[in-house]
Structure formats: structure tokens, C-alpha cells
C-alpha atoms as a PDB file:
ATOM      1  CA  UNK A   1      63.788 197.403 159.623  1.00  0.00           C
ATOM      2  CA  UNK A   2      62.763 196.335 163.117  1.00  0.00           C
ATOM      3  CA  UNK A   3      60.583 199.325 163.972  1.00  0.00           C
ATOM      4  CA  UNK A   4      57.184 199.537 162.298  1.00  0.00           C
ATOM      5  CA  UNK A   5      56.066 202.787 160.650  1.00  0.00           C
ATOM      6  CA  UNK A   6      53.563 204.867 162.627  1.00  0.00           C
ATOM      7  CA  UNK A   7      49.948 203.730 162.419  1.00  0.00           C
ATOM      8  CA  UNK A   8      48.777 207.227 161.466  1.00  0.00           C
ATOM      9  CA  UNK A   9      51.182 207.248 158.509  1.00  0.00           C
ATOM     10  CA  UNK A  10      49.997 203.818 157.389  1.00  0.00           C
ATOM     11  CA  UNK A  11      46.358 204.962 157.652  1.00  0.00           C
ATOM     12  CA  UNK A  12      47.180 208.022 155.569  1.00  0.00           C
ATOM     13  CA  UNK A  13      48.846 205.843 152.932  1.00  0.00           C
ATOM     14  CA  UNK A  14      46.057 203.237 152.835  1.00  0.00           C
ATOM     15  CA  UNK A  15      43.309 205.868 152.510  1.00  0.00           C
ATOM     16  CA  UNK A  16      45.224 207.848 149.859  1.00  0.00           C
ATOM     17  CA  UNK A  17      45.964 204.711 147.853  1.00  0.00           C
ATOM     18  CA  UNK A  18      42.349 203.568 148.074  1.00  0.00           C
ATOM     19  CA  UNK A  19      40.980 206.921 146.896  1.00  0.00           C
ATOM     20  CA  UNK A  20      44.009 207.898 144.772  1.00  0.00           C
ATOM     21  CA  UNK A  21      43.421 211.303 146.328  1.00  0.00           C
ATOM     22  CA  UNK A  22      45.000 212.919 149.369  1.00  0.00           C
ATOM     23  CA  UNK A  23      42.055 215.298 149.639  1.00  0.00           C
ATOM     24  CA  UNK A  24      39.533 212.467 149.887  1.00  0.00           C
ATOM     25  CA  UNK A  25      41.799 210.646 152.324  1.00  0.00           C
ATOM     26  CA  UNK A  26      41.992 213.795 154.449  1.00  0.00           C
ATOM     27  CA  UNK A  27      38.187 214.073 154.481  1.00  0.00           C
ATOM     28  CA  UNK A  28      37.857 210.458 155.575  1.00  0.00           C
ATOM     29  CA  UNK A  29      40.419 210.793 158.362  1.00  0.00           C
ATOM     30  CA  UNK A  30      39.259 214.279 159.437  1.00  0.00           C
ATOM     31  CA  UNK A  31      42.625 215.961 158.907  1.00  0.00           C
ATOM     32  CA  UNK A  32      43.993 218.426 156.348  1.00  0.00           C
ATOM     33  CA  UNK A  33      45.414 217.366 152.953  1.00  0.00           C
ATOM     34  CA  UNK A  34      48.681 218.925 154.065  1.00  0.00           C
ATOM     35  CA  UNK A  35      48.828 216.597 157.064  1.00  0.00           C
ATOM     36  CA  UNK A  36      48.228 213.591 154.800  1.00  0.00           C
ATOM     37  CA  UNK A  37      50.977 214.703 152.400  1.00  0.00           C
ATOM     38  CA  UNK A  38      53.443 215.194 155.264  1.00  0.00           C
ATOM     39  CA  UNK A  39      52.679 211.754 156.762  1.00  0.00           C
ATOM     40  CA  UNK A  40      53.188 210.035 153.404  1.00  0.00           C
ATOM     41  CA  UNK A  41      56.473 211.894 152.791  1.00  0.00           C
ATOM     42  CA  UNK A  42      57.679 210.806 156.232  1.00  0.00           C
ATOM     43  CA  UNK A  43      56.593 207.222 155.467  1.00  0.00           C
ATOM     44  CA  UNK A  44      58.432 207.231 152.150  1.00  0.00           C
ATOM     45  CA  UNK A  45      61.528 208.638 153.850  1.00  0.00           C
ATOM     46  CA  UNK A  46      61.459 205.996 156.571  1.00  0.00           C
ATOM     47  CA  UNK A  47      60.976 203.187 154.039  1.00  0.00           C
ATOM     48  CA  UNK A  48      63.414 204.618 151.489  1.00  0.00           C
ATOM     49  CA  UNK A  49      60.833 203.938 148.766  1.00  0.00           C
ATOM     50  CA  UNK A  50      58.611 206.179 146.643  1.00  0.00           C
ATOM     51  CA  UNK A  51      55.007 205.057 147.046  1.00  0.00           C
ATOM     52  CA  UNK A  52      53.229 207.566 144.798  1.00  0.00           C
ATOM     53  CA  UNK A  53      53.750 209.285 141.487  1.00  0.00           C
ATOM     54  CA  UNK A  54      52.623 212.852 142.105  1.00  0.00           C
ATOM     55  CA  UNK A  55      51.189 214.399 138.964  1.00  0.00           C
ATOM     56  CA  UNK A  56      49.633 217.789 138.330  1.00  0.00           C
ATOM     57  CA  UNK A  57      46.030 216.756 138.853  1.00  0.00           C
ATOM     58  CA  UNK A  58      46.202 213.128 139.872  1.00  0.00           C
ATOM     59  CA  UNK A  59      47.931 210.620 142.106  1.00  0.00           C
ATOM     60  CA  UNK A  60      49.214 207.210 141.019  1.00  0.00           C
ATOM     61  CA  UNK A  61      50.847 204.367 142.878  1.00  0.00           C
ATOM     62  CA  UNK A  62      54.353 203.282 141.968  1.00  0.00           C
ATOM     63  CA  UNK A  63      54.893 199.550 141.477  1.00  0.00           C
ATOM     64  CA  UNK A  64      56.311 199.386 145.016  1.00  0.00           C
ATOM     65  CA  UNK A  65      53.378 201.424 146.304  1.00  0.00           C
ATOM     66  CA  UNK A  66      50.831 199.147 144.619  1.00  0.00           C
ATOM     67  CA  UNK A  67      52.442 196.064 146.145  1.00  0.00           C
ATOM     68  CA  UNK A  68      52.579 197.695 149.575  1.00  0.00           C
ATOM     69  CA  UNK A  69      48.948 198.853 149.270  1.00  0.00           C
ATOM     70  CA  UNK A  70      47.724 195.321 148.506  1.00  0.00           C
ATOM     71  CA  UNK A  71      49.196 194.157 151.805  1.00  0.00           C
ATOM     72  CA  UNK A  72      48.065 197.233 153.767  1.00  0.00           C
ATOM     73  CA  UNK A  73      44.505 196.948 152.408  1.00  0.00           C
ATOM     74  CA  UNK A  74      44.294 193.366 153.673  1.00  0.00           C
ATOM     75  CA  UNK A  75      45.799 194.338 157.020  1.00  0.00           C
ATOM     76  CA  UNK A  76      43.388 197.228 157.584  1.00  0.00           C
ATOM     77  CA  UNK A  77      40.429 195.080 156.517  1.00  0.00           C
ATOM     78  CA  UNK A  78      41.402 192.494 159.121  1.00  0.00           C
ATOM     79  CA  UNK A  79      41.758 195.228 161.761  1.00  0.00           C
ATOM     80  CA  UNK A  80      38.306 196.627 160.892  1.00  0.00           C
ATOM     81  CA  UNK A  81      36.700 193.175 161.003  1.00  0.00           C
ATOM     82  CA  UNK A  82      38.353 192.301 164.330  1.00  0.00           C
ATOM     83  CA  UNK A  83      37.285 195.641 165.811  1.00  0.00           C
ATOM     84  CA  UNK A  84      33.699 195.259 164.585  1.00  0.00           C
ATOM     85  CA  UNK A  85      33.517 191.735 166.010  1.00  0.00           C
ATOM     86  CA  UNK A  86      34.876 192.907 169.363  1.00  0.00           C
ATOM     87  CA  UNK A  87      32.417 195.799 169.552  1.00  0.00           C
ATOM     88  CA  UNK A  88      29.528 193.551 168.546  1.00  0.00           C
ATOM     89  CA  UNK A  89      30.384 191.042 171.279  1.00  0.00           C
ATOM     90  CA  UNK A  90      30.387 193.872 173.811  1.00  0.00           C
ATOM     91  CA  UNK A  91      27.128 195.297 172.476  1.00  0.00           C
ATOM     92  CA  UNK A  92      25.396 191.916 172.535  1.00  0.00           C
ATOM     93  CA  UNK A  93      24.989 192.257 176.297  1.00  0.00           C
ATOM     94  CA  UNK A  94      24.598 196.030 176.449  1.00  0.00           C
ATOM     95  CA  UNK A  95      21.343 197.642 175.301  1.00  0.00           C
ATOM     96  CA  UNK A  96      20.118 201.227 175.305  1.00  0.00           C
ATOM     97  CA  UNK A  97      16.376 201.837 175.431  1.00  0.00           C
ATOM     98  CA  UNK A  98      14.891 205.304 175.055  1.00  0.00           C
ATOM     99  CA  UNK A  99      11.440 206.376 176.257  1.00  0.00           C
ATOM    100  CA  UNK A 100       9.777 209.364 177.868  1.00  0.00           C
ATOM    101  CA  UNK A 101      10.434 210.136 181.513  1.00  0.00           C
ATOM    102  CA  UNK A 102       6.760 209.499 182.297  1.00  0.00           C
ATOM    103  CA  UNK A 103       6.795 206.037 180.749  1.00  0.00           C
ATOM    104  CA  UNK A 104      10.044 205.186 182.524  1.00  0.00           C
ATOM    105  CA  UNK A 105       8.726 206.361 185.904  1.00  0.00           C
ATOM    106  CA  UNK A 106       5.223 204.900 185.812  1.00  0.00           C
ATOM    107  CA  UNK A 107       5.572 201.739 183.743  1.00  0.00           C
ATOM    108  CA  UNK A 108       9.145 200.630 183.141  1.00  0.00           C
ATOM    109  CA  UNK A 109      11.068 201.216 186.377  1.00  0.00           C
ATOM    110  CA  UNK A 110       8.574 199.368 188.654  1.00  0.00           C
ATOM    111  CA  UNK A 111       9.044 196.287 186.450  1.00  0.00           C
ATOM    112  CA  UNK A 112      12.816 196.409 185.840  1.00  0.00           C
ATOM    113  CA  UNK A 113      13.680 194.072 188.702  1.00  0.00           C
ATOM    114  CA  UNK A 114      11.875 191.246 186.890  1.00  0.00           C
ATOM    115  CA  UNK A 115      13.934 191.928 183.754  1.00  0.00           C
ATOM    116  CA  UNK A 116      17.185 191.903 185.715  1.00  0.00           C
ATOM    117  CA  UNK A 117      16.221 188.621 187.371  1.00  0.00           C
ATOM    118  CA  UNK A 118      15.284 187.041 184.047  1.00  0.00           C
ATOM    119  CA  UNK A 119      18.298 188.411 182.114  1.00  0.00           C
ATOM    120  CA  UNK A 120      21.199 189.094 184.508  1.00  0.00           C
ATOM    121  CA  UNK A 121      23.626 188.973 181.572  1.00  0.00           C
ATOM    122  CA  UNK A 122      22.057 191.984 179.784  1.00  0.00           C
ATOM    123  CA  UNK A 123      23.143 195.477 180.790  1.00  0.00           C
ATOM    124  CA  UNK A 124      20.049 197.599 180.052  1.00  0.00           C
ATOM    125  CA  UNK A 125      20.524 201.336 179.972  1.00  0.00           C
ATOM    126  CA  UNK A 126      17.518 203.671 180.019  1.00  0.00           C
ATOM    127  CA  UNK A 127      17.642 207.020 178.238  1.00  0.00           C
ATOM    128  CA  UNK A 128      14.600 208.910 179.525  1.00  0.00           C
ATOM    129  CA  UNK A 129      13.979 211.847 177.221  1.00  0.00           C
ATOM    130  CA  UNK A 130      11.140 213.636 175.471  1.00  0.00           C
ATOM    131  CA  UNK A 131      13.490 214.308 172.541  1.00  0.00           C
ATOM    132  CA  UNK A 132      13.104 212.133 169.443  1.00  0.00           C
ATOM    133  CA  UNK A 133      16.440 210.334 169.434  1.00  0.00           C
ATOM    134  CA  UNK A 134      18.330 209.001 166.425  1.00  0.00           C
ATOM    135  CA  UNK A 135      19.211 205.297 166.492  1.00  0.00           C
ATOM    136  CA  UNK A 136      22.584 205.643 164.784  1.00  0.00           C
ATOM    137  CA  UNK A 137      23.763 208.977 166.174  1.00  0.00           C
ATOM    138  CA  UNK A 138      22.618 208.350 169.760  1.00  0.00           C
ATOM    139  CA  UNK A 139      23.463 204.641 169.941  1.00  0.00           C
ATOM    140  CA  UNK A 140      19.858 203.538 170.537  1.00  0.00           C
ATOM    141  CA  UNK A 141      18.938 199.853 170.269  1.00  0.00           C
ATOM    142  CA  UNK A 142      15.190 200.054 170.889  1.00  0.00           C
ATOM    143  CA  UNK A 143      12.741 202.898 171.520  1.00  0.00           C
ATOM    144  CA  UNK A 144       9.284 203.183 173.045  1.00  0.00           C
ATOM    145  CA  UNK A 145       7.438 205.998 171.305  1.00  0.00           C
ATOM    146  CA  UNK A 146       3.946 207.356 171.798  1.00  0.00           C
ATOM    147  CA  UNK A 147       1.858 208.053 168.728  1.00  0.00           C
ATOM    148  CA  UNK A 148       0.064 206.422 165.834  1.00  0.00           C
ATOM    149  CA  UNK A 149       3.013 204.231 164.775  1.00  0.00           C
ATOM    150  CA  UNK A 150       4.573 203.969 161.348  1.00  0.00           C
ATOM    151  CA  UNK A 151       8.075 205.448 161.563  1.00  0.00           C
ATOM    152  CA  UNK A 152       9.921 205.800 158.255  1.00  0.00           C
ATOM    153  CA  UNK A 153      12.823 203.407 157.858  1.00  0.00           C
ATOM    154  CA  UNK A 154      12.106 201.670 161.158  1.00  0.00           C
ATOM    155  CA  UNK A 155      10.094 198.662 162.335  1.00  0.00           C
ATOM    156  CA  UNK A 156       7.361 199.430 164.863  1.00  0.00           C
ATOM    157  CA  UNK A 157       4.871 197.331 166.815  1.00  0.00           C
ATOM    158  CA  UNK A 158       1.844 198.543 168.748  1.00  0.00           C
ATOM    159  CA  UNK A 159       2.895 197.723 172.256  1.00  0.00           C
ATOM    160  CA  UNK A 160       0.767 199.296 174.983  1.00  0.00           C
ATOM    161  CA  UNK A 161      -2.708 200.641 174.326  1.00  0.00           C
ATOM    162  CA  UNK A 162      -4.554 200.014 177.565  1.00  0.00           C
ATOM    163  CA  UNK A 163      -7.378 202.338 178.437  1.00  0.00           C
ATOM    164  CA  UNK A 164      -7.410 205.708 180.145  1.00  0.00           C
ATOM    165  CA  UNK A 165      -9.259 205.909 183.458  1.00  0.00           C
ATOM    166  CA  UNK A 166      -9.894 208.888 185.805  1.00  0.00           C
ATOM    167  CA  UNK A 167      -7.824 208.664 188.992  1.00  0.00           C
ATOM    168  CA  UNK A 168      -7.467 210.824 192.092  1.00  0.00           C
ATOM    169  CA  UNK A 169      -6.238 210.723 195.670  1.00  0.00           C
ATOM    170  CA  UNK A 170      -8.321 208.944 198.350  1.00  0.00           C
ATOM    171  CA  UNK A 171      -9.207 212.311 199.938  1.00  0.00           C
ATOM    172  CA  UNK A 172     -10.676 213.587 196.709  1.00  0.00           C
ATOM    173  CA  UNK A 173     -12.531 210.307 196.156  1.00  0.00           C
ATOM    174  CA  UNK A 174     -14.053 210.634 199.643  1.00  0.00           C
ATOM    175  CA  UNK A 175     -15.314 214.101 198.744  1.00  0.00           C
ATOM    176  CA  UNK A 176     -17.152 212.577 195.773  1.00  0.00           C
ATOM    177  CA  UNK A 177     -19.103 210.213 198.009  1.00  0.00           C
ATOM    178  CA  UNK A 178     -19.507 206.432 197.928  1.00  0.00           C
ATOM    179  CA  UNK A 179     -21.429 206.158 194.637  1.00  0.00           C
ATOM    180  CA  UNK A 180     -20.615 209.208 192.518  1.00  0.00           C
ATOM    181  CA  UNK A 181     -22.296 209.931 189.208  1.00  0.00           C
ATOM    182  CA  UNK A 182     -20.153 211.043 186.311  1.00  0.00           C
ATOM    183  CA  UNK A 183     -21.816 214.468 186.295  1.00  0.00           C
ATOM    184  CA  UNK A 184     -20.420 214.984 189.815  1.00  0.00           C
ATOM    185  CA  UNK A 185     -17.133 215.691 188.036  1.00  0.00           C
ATOM    186  CA  UNK A 186     -18.558 219.156 187.335  1.00  0.00           C
ATOM    187  CA  UNK A 187     -17.545 220.079 190.883  1.00  0.00           C
ATOM    188  CA  UNK A 188     -13.928 218.917 190.480  1.00  0.00           C
ATOM    189  CA  UNK A 189     -10.906 220.272 188.627  1.00  0.00           C
ATOM    190  CA  UNK A 190     -10.039 218.243 185.540  1.00  0.00           C
ATOM    191  CA  UNK A 191      -6.298 218.006 185.035  1.00  0.00           C
ATOM    192  CA  UNK A 192      -5.081 217.883 181.430  1.00  0.00           C
ATOM    193  CA  UNK A 193      -1.822 217.191 179.672  1.00  0.00           C
ATOM    194  CA  UNK A 194      -1.127 218.425 176.145  1.00  0.00           C
ATOM    195  CA  UNK A 195      -3.651 215.949 174.696  1.00  0.00           C
ATOM    196  CA  UNK A 196      -6.555 218.001 175.991  1.00  0.00           C
ATOM    197  CA  UNK A 197      -9.205 216.081 174.022  1.00  0.00           C
ATOM    198  CA  UNK A 198      -8.824 212.986 176.230  1.00  0.00           C
ATOM    199  CA  UNK A 199     -11.304 214.287 178.812  1.00  0.00           C
ATOM    200  CA  UNK A 200     -13.755 215.254 176.076  1.00  0.00           C
ATOM    201  CA  UNK A 201     -13.616 211.724 174.646  1.00  0.00           C
ATOM    202  CA  UNK A 202     -13.971 210.052 178.039  1.00  0.00           C
ATOM    203  CA  UNK A 203     -16.923 212.234 179.119  1.00  0.00           C
ATOM    204  CA  UNK A 204     -18.671 211.558 175.830  1.00  0.00           C
ATOM    205  CA  UNK A 205     -18.069 207.805 176.221  1.00  0.00           C
ATOM    206  CA  UNK A 206     -19.683 207.693 179.678  1.00  0.00           C
ATOM    207  CA  UNK A 207     -22.597 209.989 178.785  1.00  0.00           C
ATOM    208  CA  UNK A 208     -21.697 212.973 180.996  1.00  0.00           C
ATOM    209  CA  UNK A 209     -23.721 216.036 179.988  1.00  0.00           C
ATOM    210  CA  UNK A 210     -23.018 218.665 182.655  1.00  0.00           C
ATOM    211  CA  UNK A 211     -19.204 218.630 182.776  1.00  0.00           C
ATOM    212  CA  UNK A 212     -17.058 221.184 180.944  1.00  0.00           C
ATOM    213  CA  UNK A 213     -14.417 219.028 179.262  1.00  0.00           C
ATOM    214  CA  UNK A 214     -12.115 222.026 178.688  1.00  0.00           C
ATOM    215  CA  UNK A 215     -12.089 223.178 182.309  1.00  0.00           C
ATOM    216  CA  UNK A 216      -8.897 222.824 184.331  1.00  0.00           C
ATOM    217  CA  UNK A 217      -5.143 223.396 184.054  1.00  0.00           C
ATOM    218  CA  UNK A 218      -3.066 222.033 181.181  1.00  0.00           C
ATOM    219  CA  UNK A 219       0.416 220.586 181.743  1.00  0.00           C
ATOM    220  CA  UNK A 220       3.001 220.167 179.021  1.00  0.00           C
ATOM    221  CA  UNK A 221       3.464 216.467 179.771  1.00  0.00           C
ATOM    222  CA  UNK A 222       1.865 213.589 181.627  1.00  0.00           C
ATOM    223  CA  UNK A 223       4.317 213.823 184.532  1.00  0.00           C
ATOM    224  CA  UNK A 224       3.074 217.312 185.379  1.00  0.00           C
ATOM    225  CA  UNK A 225      -0.535 216.164 185.299  1.00  0.00           C
ATOM    226  CA  UNK A 226       0.326 213.145 187.469  1.00  0.00           C
ATOM    227  CA  UNK A 227       2.055 215.193 190.161  1.00  0.00           C
ATOM    228  CA  UNK A 228      -0.776 217.741 190.204  1.00  0.00           C
ATOM    229  CA  UNK A 229      -3.261 214.921 190.721  1.00  0.00           C
ATOM    230  CA  UNK A 230      -1.092 213.412 193.488  1.00  0.00           C
ATOM    231  CA  UNK A 231      -1.140 216.819 195.189  1.00  0.00           C
ATOM    232  CA  UNK A 232      -4.980 216.632 195.241  1.00  0.00           C
ATOM    233  CA  UNK A 233      -5.316 219.537 192.814  1.00  0.00           C
ATOM    234  CA  UNK A 234      -7.862 217.619 190.769  1.00  0.00           C
ATOM    235  CA  UNK A 235      -8.602 214.389 188.916  1.00  0.00           C
ATOM    236  CA  UNK A 236      -6.542 213.163 185.959  1.00  0.00           C
ATOM    237  CA  UNK A 237      -6.882 210.627 183.165  1.00  0.00           C
ATOM    238  CA  UNK A 238      -4.107 208.055 183.392  1.00  0.00           C
ATOM    239  CA  UNK A 239      -3.316 204.830 181.586  1.00  0.00           C
ATOM    240  CA  UNK A 240      -4.511 202.018 183.815  1.00  0.00           C
ATOM    241  CA  UNK A 241      -1.207 200.142 183.561  1.00  0.00           C
ATOM    242  CA  UNK A 242       0.674 203.240 184.763  1.00  0.00           C
ATOM    243  CA  UNK A 243      -1.172 203.333 188.063  1.00  0.00           C
ATOM    244  CA  UNK A 244      -2.308 199.733 188.592  1.00  0.00           C
ATOM    245  CA  UNK A 245       0.034 199.203 191.550  1.00  0.00           C
ATOM    246  CA  UNK A 246      -1.108 202.417 193.253  1.00  0.00           C
ATOM    247  CA  UNK A 247      -4.733 201.481 192.636  1.00  0.00           C
ATOM    248  CA  UNK A 248      -4.114 198.051 194.150  1.00  0.00           C
ATOM    249  CA  UNK A 249      -2.397 199.588 197.180  1.00  0.00           C
ATOM    250  CA  UNK A 250      -5.133 202.192 197.636  1.00  0.00           C
ATOM    251  CA  UNK A 251      -2.835 205.218 197.347  1.00  0.00           C
ATOM    252  CA  UNK A 252      -4.872 206.215 194.292  1.00  0.00           C
ATOM    253  CA  UNK A 253      -8.536 205.633 193.533  1.00  0.00           C
ATOM    254  CA  UNK A 254     -10.460 205.204 190.280  1.00  0.00           C
ATOM    255  CA  UNK A 255     -13.925 206.492 191.297  1.00  0.00           C
ATOM    256  CA  UNK A 256     -15.217 205.959 187.746  1.00  0.00           C
ATOM    257  CA  UNK A 257     -13.690 202.662 186.559  1.00  0.00           C
ATOM    258  CA  UNK A 258     -14.980 202.938 182.985  1.00  0.00           C
ATOM    259  CA  UNK A 259     -12.103 203.649 180.609  1.00  0.00           C
ATOM    260  CA  UNK A 260     -11.699 204.443 176.947  1.00  0.00           C
ATOM    261  CA  UNK A 261      -9.056 203.459 174.414  1.00  0.00           C
ATOM    262  CA  UNK A 262      -7.239 206.133 172.441  1.00  0.00           C
ATOM    263  CA  UNK A 263      -5.961 205.842 168.877  1.00  0.00           C
ATOM    264  CA  UNK A 264      -2.600 206.913 170.295  1.00  0.00           C
ATOM    265  CA  UNK A 265      -0.539 204.130 171.824  1.00  0.00           C
ATOM    266  CA  UNK A 266       2.991 203.224 172.820  1.00  0.00           C
ATOM    267  CA  UNK A 267       4.976 201.471 170.095  1.00  0.00           C
ATOM    268  CA  UNK A 268       8.171 199.447 170.189  1.00  0.00           C
ATOM    269  CA  UNK A 269      10.454 200.888 167.526  1.00  0.00           C
ATOM    270  CA  UNK A 270      13.727 199.426 166.293  1.00  0.00           C
ATOM    271  CA  UNK A 271      15.899 199.188 163.199  1.00  0.00           C
ATOM    272  CA  UNK A 272      15.154 196.496 160.602  1.00  0.00           C
ATOM    273  CA  UNK A 273      17.127 193.388 161.442  1.00  0.00           C
ATOM    274  CA  UNK A 274      17.631 194.416 165.084  1.00  0.00           C
ATOM    275  CA  UNK A 275      15.815 191.318 166.365  1.00  0.00           C
ATOM    276  CA  UNK A 276      18.622 189.179 164.970  1.00  0.00           C
ATOM    277  CA  UNK A 277      20.554 190.243 168.060  1.00  0.00           C
ATOM    278  CA  UNK A 278      19.521 187.869 170.857  1.00  0.00           C
ATOM    279  CA  UNK A 279      19.626 190.583 173.539  1.00  0.00           C
ATOM    280  CA  UNK A 280      17.202 192.845 171.658  1.00  0.00           C
ATOM    281  CA  UNK A 281      14.908 189.907 170.913  1.00  0.00           C
ATOM    282  CA  UNK A 282      14.957 188.985 174.616  1.00  0.00           C
ATOM    283  CA  UNK A 283      14.111 192.559 175.650  1.00  0.00           C
ATOM    284  CA  UNK A 284      11.226 192.724 173.172  1.00  0.00           C
ATOM    285  CA  UNK A 285       9.812 189.400 174.399  1.00  0.00           C
ATOM    286  CA  UNK A 286      10.068 190.548 178.020  1.00  0.00           C
ATOM    287  CA  UNK A 287       8.307 193.849 177.298  1.00  0.00           C
ATOM    288  CA  UNK A 288       5.373 192.062 175.660  1.00  0.00           C
ATOM    289  CA  UNK A 289       5.233 189.546 178.510  1.00  0.00           C
ATOM    290  CA  UNK A 290       4.950 192.447 180.968  1.00  0.00           C
ATOM    291  CA  UNK A 291       2.079 193.925 178.971  1.00  0.00           C
ATOM    292  CA  UNK A 292       0.247 190.602 179.258  1.00  0.00           C
ATOM    293  CA  UNK A 293       0.593 190.792 183.053  1.00  0.00           C
ATOM    294  CA  UNK A 294      -1.317 194.075 183.215  1.00  0.00           C
ATOM    295  CA  UNK A 295      -4.426 193.818 185.364  1.00  0.00           C
ATOM    296  CA  UNK A 296      -7.485 193.720 183.060  1.00  0.00           C
ATOM    297  CA  UNK A 297      -9.921 196.639 183.401  1.00  0.00           C
ATOM    298  CA  UNK A 298     -12.739 196.389 185.926  1.00  0.00           C
END
């Protein structure tokens, strides 16, 4: 017989022989039991050999079927191993990182050129989303998540916890005068994101007594608060590392340079054993090296 049987028929046979059940084989291959039965009948017809003994409530291999299954099991194992090795080689240089859009915009993207220069062989893909993504289902290699850390079933490392500092546009800073006191904030609009307590904590830390910490608009995320501040609608608390370049260039001003650290921080999150992949280990090392480059607070 020069022509090989169809691959779908061989898969149906191998799965049915392994489970000794056409129903379980159908579930594994996402087809109906009837389709599995038809493929095996066609295979038996093409080979001229009975492969199964069909009983009332069970399925058994014939002696010819058992011999054929031993060979097919080895063949399919080799195919699976070769496929896994091929995919792993491709994935070794392709990484997917997920983070919020705000983190990507303010912190990650301005630094990506340095990563590309240091690791031209790694294809880094950024999935910017506020949705909590699943590593297996969504094909994620490493995540940057904001919170207290400690994610069940995953490894996490506190990654970025620099301080929050009030920032505004140069025009608004000019309106405050050359040497503003913290209580002068009472005359400005405080811009909040969903973590509304940040202003309360900062004002308490600097000893402000005449500023209403709850005053001002609330945005559902940090990007909204950032854009409102850039439009000179008020003053916002931002992580220093997010705006360090704009502060250095003078497009933003920190009229009150004192900052405060929050219990919330950005964490690197990945699956146990992920750092055994050289590309993920290289990305992690680069991320921490970028954190160490952050300008220290004034």
C-alpha cells in the first residue's frame, strides 16, 4: 500500500485506542463520536484489517489493532515532541508582556528603544489592557500588575514603587508663584484617579491643613487624570518615574517636590519556572536595570 491513510483517521484511531473509548476520543479531538466511528471504519476498510472488537459497552483492540497502536502511539509521540520543540524555539525569541495602557505610555514605551538595542533578537509584544489577563489562555509570558503583590499560583516581584509627587503644567506652576506653600493648593483643583486617598495621604505627609483632599474630579484611570492635568485643569499626583523626562524637559513642573510612597506598587508577575527561558530572564533583568536608572527624588 503506497498511499498512507488520512491523518485524521489515524488520529481518531490513536485516540480511541488510547482511551478504549470513541466518546472520549471524540471529546479530545472536538468532534462527534459518530465522526470517530466513521473514520475508524474507513481506516479498517482501507487497511483490510479489523482494529477493534466492538462490544456492547466497551471497546477492545484486536491483536492487529494492538500492534498497530503500539507503532502509532510512538509516531504521534514523536510528532508531538517535534512540534513542541519547534514552537518552543519560535517562542524563545518572541515574548508577550501585558500591562496597563498608562504604564505602557508613561514608563515602558519611552524606554523600549534601549531594550531593542540591547536585545535585537527578542521580538517583544506589548498587550496594553486594564483587563486581568490569563497567562495560559492569552499567551502571556510576563505581566506588570499594580497592587499589593502575591498572586496565587504565580511568582511576583515588587518592581516599581517610586514615590508620588504633585505635577502640573508650567502655566499652573507660574500661577502658584515662585515659592508656593502647600496650603496654596487650596486654590487649585486636585485631580484624582480611582485611588482617591492618594491626595489625602500626600497632604497629611507634608502637613497641609487648609486643603480639602476630596475636592476635584475623579477619573477612572491614571491616563484620564494625566490628560486632565496636561490640559491645565488642575494638579495631579503622578509617579515620579512616569514623568521624569517631562520634568527634566520642563514641559511639566513639580512645584512641591516632596513625595510619598504608597503600599501599592507595580509587580513583575510570571509563571513558576518562566525564568528558565533565556528571553524572559533577559527581559526581567532589563526591566530592573531600567528601574535603577530612574532619577532619584529631589
